Amino acid sequence: MKIFVVIFCGLSIAISVAAQTRESSTKPESRVTTRSAVDVVPLPSSKGLNSTQAAGKKLFVQRCSVCHLPALPSYTAYGPLLNKAMVADRGDEVVRLQIMQGSPRMPGFQYTLSPKEIDQLVVYLKTLDVLNKE
């Protein structure tokens, strides 16, 4: 008798799941604009980086990438995409000050990153060769 109850419950659950799946497949899909795989920002391989650049990459991924890289091809980055051209245009010292003091849209990291870590970030940013498409 207990086996029949278990089988009945299992069949009931299977039928309700199948019905829900059928309903969701018949709903019109919302239109989402996505980027192609070409637009995903590749980071340089850690194999080609020296120890300072590798430490900077680790900090960039932990602290900066959440805003300065798109999370998925369908998302846009919150902050500007960072690259070596941006560092060359602004200069190392301006980039250091930006990282330390922040801006209205960016937190400052002067109390959470040491000067050595900020230098590592700047050195790593010089290795990024990302085109700003926005």
C-alpha atoms as a PDB file:
ATOM      1  CA  MET A   1       0.000   0.000   0.000  1.00  0.00           C
ATOM      2  CA  LYS A   2       2.833   2.406   0.867  1.00  0.00           C
ATOM      3  CA  ILE A   3       4.447   1.697  -2.496  1.00  0.00           C
ATOM      4  CA  PHE A   4       1.278   2.758  -4.329  1.00  0.00           C
ATOM      5  CA  VAL A   5       1.203   6.045  -2.381  1.00  0.00           C
ATOM      6  CA  VAL A   6       4.858   6.753  -3.248  1.00  0.00           C
ATOM      7  CA  ILE A   7       4.270   5.923  -6.924  1.00  0.00           C
ATOM      8  CA  PHE A   8       1.128   8.089  -6.986  1.00  0.00           C
ATOM      9  CA  CYS A   9       3.001  11.054  -5.445  1.00  0.00           C
ATOM     10  CA  GLY A  10       5.877  10.611  -7.890  1.00  0.00           C
ATOM     11  CA  LEU A  11       3.533  10.543 -10.880  1.00  0.00           C
ATOM     12  CA  SER A  12       1.674  13.617  -9.602  1.00  0.00           C
ATOM     13  CA  ILE A  13       4.915  15.563  -9.297  1.00  0.00           C
ATOM     14  CA  ALA A  14       6.089  14.419 -12.751  1.00  0.00           C
ATOM     15  CA  ILE A  15       2.800  15.484 -14.351  1.00  0.00           C
ATOM     16  CA  SER A  16       2.851  18.928 -12.708  1.00  0.00           C
ATOM     17  CA  VAL A  17       6.480  19.510 -13.744  1.00  0.00           C
ATOM     18  CA  ALA A  18       5.670  18.494 -17.312  1.00  0.00           C
ATOM     19  CA  ALA A  19       2.703  20.866 -17.374  1.00  0.00           C
ATOM     20  CA  GLN A  20       4.818  23.763 -16.087  1.00  0.00           C
ATOM     21  CA  THR A  21       7.526  23.042 -18.628  1.00  0.00           C
ATOM     22  CA  ARG A  22       4.971  22.994 -21.435  1.00  0.00           C
ATOM     23  CA  GLU A  23       3.494  26.333 -20.251  1.00  0.00           C
ATOM     24  CA  SER A  24       6.862  28.053 -20.030  1.00  0.00           C
ATOM     25  CA  SER A  25       7.868  26.853 -23.495  1.00  0.00           C
ATOM     26  CA  THR A  26       4.723  28.343 -25.045  1.00  0.00           C
ATOM     27  CA  LYS A  27       5.225  31.798 -23.500  1.00  0.00           C
ATOM     28  CA  PRO A  28       6.702  34.391 -25.854  1.00  0.00           C
ATOM     29  CA  GLU A  29      10.340  35.021 -25.096  1.00  0.00           C
ATOM     30  CA  SER A  30      11.407  38.508 -24.194  1.00  0.00           C
ATOM     31  CA  ARG A  31      13.783  40.153 -26.624  1.00  0.00           C
ATOM     32  CA  VAL A  32      17.277  40.474 -25.124  1.00  0.00           C
ATOM     33  CA  THR A  33      20.057  42.182 -26.983  1.00  0.00           C
ATOM     34  CA  THR A  34      23.209  40.204 -26.597  1.00  0.00           C
ATOM     35  CA  ARG A  35      26.766  40.689 -27.604  1.00  0.00           C
ATOM     36  CA  SER A  36      28.626  38.162 -29.638  1.00  0.00           C
ATOM     37  CA  ALA A  37      31.534  36.146 -28.323  1.00  0.00           C
ATOM     38  CA  VAL A  38      33.825  38.624 -30.092  1.00  0.00           C
ATOM     39  CA  ASP A  39      32.751  41.337 -27.614  1.00  0.00           C
ATOM     40  CA  VAL A  40      33.788  39.354 -24.528  1.00  0.00           C
ATOM     41  CA  VAL A  41      36.886  40.951 -23.042  1.00  0.00           C
ATOM     42  CA  PRO A  42      39.793  38.497 -22.901  1.00  0.00           C
ATOM     43  CA  LEU A  43      42.353  39.069 -20.170  1.00  0.00           C
ATOM     44  CA  PRO A  44      45.999  38.329 -20.898  1.00  0.00           C
ATOM     45  CA  SER A  45      47.203  34.893 -19.881  1.00  0.00           C
ATOM     46  CA  SER A  46      48.980  34.753 -16.538  1.00  0.00           C
ATOM     47  CA  LYS A  47      51.760  32.714 -18.154  1.00  0.00           C
ATOM     48  CA  GLY A  48      53.109  35.743 -20.026  1.00  0.00           C
ATOM     49  CA  LEU A  49      53.053  38.067 -16.994  1.00  0.00           C
ATOM     50  CA  ASN A  50      55.854  38.759 -14.563  1.00  0.00           C
ATOM     51  CA  SER A  51      55.210  38.494 -10.813  1.00  0.00           C
ATOM     52  CA  THR A  52      54.203  42.160 -10.409  1.00  0.00           C
ATOM     53  CA  GLN A  53      51.804  41.996 -13.336  1.00  0.00           C
ATOM     54  CA  ALA A  54      50.351  38.697 -12.082  1.00  0.00           C
ATOM     55  CA  ALA A  55      49.745  40.236  -8.644  1.00  0.00           C
ATOM     56  CA  GLY A  56      48.093  43.202 -10.383  1.00  0.00           C
ATOM     57  CA  LYS A  57      45.895  40.851 -12.413  1.00  0.00           C
ATOM     58  CA  LYS A  58      44.758  39.114  -9.235  1.00  0.00           C
ATOM     59  CA  LEU A  59      43.831  42.477  -7.676  1.00  0.00           C
ATOM     60  CA  PHE A  60      42.119  43.605 -10.889  1.00  0.00           C
ATOM     61  CA  VAL A  61      39.971  40.473 -11.027  1.00  0.00           C
ATOM     62  CA  GLN A  62      39.109  40.752  -7.311  1.00  0.00           C
ATOM     63  CA  ARG A  63      38.508  44.491  -7.033  1.00  0.00           C
ATOM     64  CA  CYS A  64      38.038  46.073 -10.464  1.00  0.00           C
ATOM     65  CA  SER A  65      36.600  43.583 -12.916  1.00  0.00           C
ATOM     66  CA  VAL A  66      33.132  43.648 -11.384  1.00  0.00           C
ATOM     67  CA  CYS A  67      32.671  47.198 -12.714  1.00  0.00           C
ATOM     68  CA  HIS A  68      35.269  47.486 -15.474  1.00  0.00           C
ATOM     69  CA  LEU A  69      34.501  44.272 -17.383  1.00  0.00           C
ATOM     70  CA  PRO A  70      31.118  43.067 -18.600  1.00  0.00           C
ATOM     71  CA  ALA A  71      30.030  40.043 -16.558  1.00  0.00           C
ATOM     72  CA  LEU A  72      28.351  38.300 -19.489  1.00  0.00           C
ATOM     73  CA  PRO A  73      28.181  39.024 -23.199  1.00  0.00           C
ATOM     74  CA  SER A  74      24.668  40.405 -22.671  1.00  0.00           C
ATOM     75  CA  TYR A  75      25.779  42.966 -20.052  1.00  0.00           C
ATOM     76  CA  THR A  76      27.641  46.217 -20.357  1.00  0.00           C
ATOM     77  CA  ALA A  77      30.348  47.277 -17.951  1.00  0.00           C
ATOM     78  CA  TYR A  78      29.406  49.807 -15.247  1.00  0.00           C
ATOM     79  CA  GLY A  79      32.704  51.667 -15.514  1.00  0.00           C
ATOM     80  CA  PRO A  80      34.857  52.274 -18.570  1.00  0.00           C
ATOM     81  CA  LEU A  81      36.837  49.388 -20.008  1.00  0.00           C
ATOM     82  CA  LEU A  82      40.407  49.850 -18.855  1.00  0.00           C
ATOM     83  CA  ASN A  83      43.431  49.369 -21.098  1.00  0.00           C
ATOM     84  CA  LYS A  84      47.034  50.391 -21.671  1.00  0.00           C
ATOM     85  CA  ALA A  85      46.028  53.277 -23.960  1.00  0.00           C
ATOM     86  CA  MET A  86      44.027  54.849 -21.128  1.00  0.00           C
ATOM     87  CA  VAL A  87      47.043  54.607 -18.800  1.00  0.00           C
ATOM     88  CA  ALA A  88      49.317  56.059 -21.479  1.00  0.00           C
ATOM     89  CA  ASP A  89      46.917  58.968 -22.155  1.00  0.00           C
ATOM     90  CA  ARG A  90      46.409  59.904 -18.516  1.00  0.00           C
ATOM     91  CA  GLY A  91      49.762  58.943 -17.062  1.00  0.00           C
ATOM     92  CA  ASP A  92      50.666  56.624 -14.206  1.00  0.00           C
ATOM     93  CA  GLU A  93      50.267  59.215 -11.465  1.00  0.00           C
ATOM     94  CA  VAL A  94      46.759  60.268 -12.526  1.00  0.00           C
ATOM     95  CA  VAL A  95      45.681  56.613 -12.674  1.00  0.00           C
ATOM     96  CA  ARG A  96      47.154  56.000  -9.197  1.00  0.00           C
ATOM     97  CA  LEU A  97      45.249  58.993  -7.805  1.00  0.00           C
ATOM     98  CA  GLN A  98      42.028  57.791  -9.459  1.00  0.00           C
ATOM     99  CA  ILE A  99      42.425  54.360  -7.864  1.00  0.00           C
ATOM    100  CA  MET A 100      43.237  55.876  -4.468  1.00  0.00           C
ATOM    101  CA  GLN A 101      40.667  58.676  -4.335  1.00  0.00           C
ATOM    102  CA  GLY A 102      37.940  57.274  -6.575  1.00  0.00           C
ATOM    103  CA  SER A 103      35.202  59.373  -8.161  1.00  0.00           C
ATOM    104  CA  PRO A 104      31.455  59.897  -7.706  1.00  0.00           C
ATOM    105  CA  ARG A 105      30.847  56.514  -9.417  1.00  0.00           C
ATOM    106  CA  MET A 106      33.929  54.684  -8.139  1.00  0.00           C
ATOM    107  CA  PRO A 107      35.046  54.000  -4.573  1.00  0.00           C
ATOM    108  CA  GLY A 108      38.522  55.039  -3.531  1.00  0.00           C
ATOM    109  CA  PHE A 109      40.881  52.278  -2.468  1.00  0.00           C
ATOM    110  CA  GLN A 110      43.401  54.309  -0.462  1.00  0.00           C
ATOM    111  CA  TYR A 111      42.386  52.616   2.789  1.00  0.00           C
ATOM    112  CA  THR A 112      42.016  49.081   1.454  1.00  0.00           C
ATOM    113  CA  LEU A 113      44.967  48.787  -0.939  1.00  0.00           C
ATOM    114  CA  SER A 114      48.597  49.464  -0.101  1.00  0.00           C
ATOM    115  CA  PRO A 115      50.693  51.729  -2.355  1.00  0.00           C
ATOM    116  CA  LYS A 116      52.518  48.605  -3.572  1.00  0.00           C
ATOM    117  CA  GLU A 117      49.206  46.974  -4.574  1.00  0.00           C
ATOM    118  CA  ILE A 118      48.109  50.133  -6.393  1.00  0.00           C
ATOM    119  CA  ASP A 119      51.430  50.119  -8.277  1.00  0.00           C
ATOM    120  CA  GLN A 120      50.809  46.463  -9.186  1.00  0.00           C
ATOM    121  CA  LEU A 121      47.386  47.395 -10.560  1.00  0.00           C
ATOM    122  CA  VAL A 122      48.858  50.199 -12.681  1.00  0.00           C
ATOM    123  CA  VAL A 123      51.549  47.873 -14.031  1.00  0.00           C
ATOM    124  CA  TYR A 124      48.885  45.289 -14.906  1.00  0.00           C
ATOM    125  CA  LEU A 125      46.650  47.864 -16.596  1.00  0.00           C
ATOM    126  CA  LYS A 126      49.546  48.553 -18.967  1.00  0.00           C
ATOM    127  CA  THR A 127      49.240  44.952 -20.230  1.00  0.00           C
ATOM    128  CA  LEU A 128      45.543  45.223 -21.152  1.00  0.00           C
ATOM    129  CA  ASP A 129      44.932  45.667 -24.857  1.00  0.00           C
ATOM    130  CA  VAL A 130      41.139  46.094 -24.878  1.00  0.00           C
ATOM    131  CA  LEU A 131      39.303  48.203 -27.432  1.00  0.00           C
ATOM    132  CA  ASN A 132      36.627  50.529 -26.044  1.00  0.00           C
ATOM    133  CA  LYS A 133      33.621  49.813 -28.284  1.00  0.00           C
ATOM    134  CA  GLU A 134      31.156  51.937 -26.361  1.00  0.00           C
END
